[in-house]
């Protein structure tokens, strides 16, 4: 997201609280840095692994329950 768009969106949106230019500039700089995106990407991977693990656990329990009912 371009820094100019980000600053304009938050400066002119009637639904957002006005933020100082310095704060907006710092936030835009951090977003453009790439570190935030790397962290988010890593967290997404962890979430996907956890969801896959939970799904596998659920399927195992469902199958065990079906075997007991048969």
C-alpha atoms as a PDB file:
ATOM      1  CA  UNK A   1       0.000   0.000   0.000  1.00  0.00           C
ATOM      2  CA  UNK A   2       1.510   3.345  -0.994  1.00  0.00           C
ATOM      3  CA  UNK A   3       2.343   5.624   1.916  1.00  0.00           C
ATOM      4  CA  UNK A   4       0.538   8.523   0.238  1.00  0.00           C
ATOM      5  CA  UNK A   5      -2.722   6.557   0.019  1.00  0.00           C
ATOM      6  CA  UNK A   6      -2.430   5.417   3.616  1.00  0.00           C
ATOM      7  CA  UNK A   7      -1.881   8.967   4.892  1.00  0.00           C
ATOM      8  CA  UNK A   8      -4.724  10.363   2.817  1.00  0.00           C
ATOM      9  CA  UNK A   9      -7.135   7.646   3.906  1.00  0.00           C
ATOM     10  CA  UNK A  10      -6.570   8.226   7.596  1.00  0.00           C
ATOM     11  CA  UNK A  11      -6.305  11.996   7.304  1.00  0.00           C
ATOM     12  CA  UNK A  12      -9.525  12.528   5.399  1.00  0.00           C
ATOM     13  CA  UNK A  13     -11.762   9.684   6.487  1.00  0.00           C
ATOM     14  CA  UNK A  14     -14.658  11.078   8.479  1.00  0.00           C
ATOM     15  CA  UNK A  15     -14.841   7.809  10.421  1.00  0.00           C
ATOM     16  CA  UNK A  16     -11.272   7.801  11.657  1.00  0.00           C
ATOM     17  CA  UNK A  17      -9.749   9.885  14.410  1.00  0.00           C
ATOM     18  CA  UNK A  18      -7.255  12.426  13.105  1.00  0.00           C
ATOM     19  CA  UNK A  19      -3.681  11.259  13.534  1.00  0.00           C
ATOM     20  CA  UNK A  20      -0.596  13.411  13.498  1.00  0.00           C
ATOM     21  CA  UNK A  21       1.503  13.487  10.345  1.00  0.00           C
ATOM     22  CA  UNK A  22       4.513  12.184  12.301  1.00  0.00           C
ATOM     23  CA  UNK A  23       2.544   9.187  13.544  1.00  0.00           C
ATOM     24  CA  UNK A  24       1.215   8.458  10.060  1.00  0.00           C
ATOM     25  CA  UNK A  25       4.682   8.788   8.554  1.00  0.00           C
ATOM     26  CA  UNK A  26       6.171   6.430  11.135  1.00  0.00           C
ATOM     27  CA  UNK A  27       3.410   3.907  10.581  1.00  0.00           C
ATOM     28  CA  UNK A  28       3.817   4.080   6.800  1.00  0.00           C
ATOM     29  CA  UNK A  29       7.590   3.649   7.144  1.00  0.00           C
ATOM     30  CA  UNK A  30       7.127   0.545   9.281  1.00  0.00           C
ATOM     31  CA  UNK A  31       4.655  -0.930   6.811  1.00  0.00           C
ATOM     32  CA  UNK A  32       6.975  -0.268   3.891  1.00  0.00           C
ATOM     33  CA  UNK A  33       9.929  -1.751   5.780  1.00  0.00           C
ATOM     34  CA  UNK A  34       8.814  -5.320   5.147  1.00  0.00           C
ATOM     35  CA  UNK A  35       9.443  -6.547   8.689  1.00  0.00           C
ATOM     36  CA  UNK A  36       5.748  -6.389   9.515  1.00  0.00           C
ATOM     37  CA  UNK A  37       4.924  -8.435   6.427  1.00  0.00           C
ATOM     38  CA  UNK A  38       7.543 -11.045   7.345  1.00  0.00           C
ATOM     39  CA  UNK A  39       6.042 -11.361  10.827  1.00  0.00           C
ATOM     40  CA  UNK A  40       2.527 -11.664   9.422  1.00  0.00           C
ATOM     41  CA  UNK A  41       3.678 -14.285   6.929  1.00  0.00           C
ATOM     42  CA  UNK A  42       5.283 -16.307   9.713  1.00  0.00           C
ATOM     43  CA  UNK A  43       2.172 -16.028  11.861  1.00  0.00           C
ATOM     44  CA  UNK A  44       0.030 -17.147   8.914  1.00  0.00           C
ATOM     45  CA  UNK A  45       2.206 -20.246   8.502  1.00  0.00           C
ATOM     46  CA  UNK A  46       1.925 -21.052  12.218  1.00  0.00           C
ATOM     47  CA  UNK A  47      -1.847 -20.605  12.070  1.00  0.00           C
ATOM     48  CA  UNK A  48      -2.140 -22.901   9.045  1.00  0.00           C
ATOM     49  CA  UNK A  49      -0.074 -25.587  10.758  1.00  0.00           C
ATOM     50  CA  UNK A  50      -2.156 -25.309  13.923  1.00  0.00           C
ATOM     51  CA  UNK A  51      -5.423 -25.461  11.977  1.00  0.00           C
ATOM     52  CA  UNK A  52      -4.194 -28.524  10.072  1.00  0.00           C
ATOM     53  CA  UNK A  53      -3.187 -30.175  13.354  1.00  0.00           C
ATOM     54  CA  UNK A  54      -6.578 -29.427  14.940  1.00  0.00           C
ATOM     55  CA  UNK A  55      -8.379 -30.731  11.863  1.00  0.00           C
ATOM     56  CA  UNK A  56      -6.385 -33.956  11.993  1.00  0.00           C
ATOM     57  CA  UNK A  57      -7.154 -34.349  15.701  1.00  0.00           C
ATOM     58  CA  UNK A  58     -10.844 -33.812  15.007  1.00  0.00           C
ATOM     59  CA  UNK A  59     -10.881 -36.350  12.193  1.00  0.00           C
ATOM     60  CA  UNK A  60      -9.109 -38.884  14.417  1.00  0.00           C
ATOM     61  CA  UNK A  61     -11.691 -38.392  17.174  1.00  0.00           C
ATOM     62  CA  UNK A  62     -14.593 -38.622  14.710  1.00  0.00           C
ATOM     63  CA  UNK A  63     -13.203 -41.856  13.286  1.00  0.00           C
ATOM     64  CA  UNK A  64     -12.646 -43.295  16.774  1.00  0.00           C
ATOM     65  CA  UNK A  65     -16.218 -42.400  17.682  1.00  0.00           C
ATOM     66  CA  UNK A  66     -17.547 -44.053  14.503  1.00  0.00           C
ATOM     67  CA  UNK A  67     -15.591 -47.238  15.300  1.00  0.00           C
ATOM     68  CA  UNK A  68     -17.040 -47.359  18.816  1.00  0.00           C
ATOM     69  CA  UNK A  69     -20.588 -46.865  17.522  1.00  0.00           C
ATOM     70  CA  UNK A  70     -20.264 -49.632  14.905  1.00  0.00           C
END
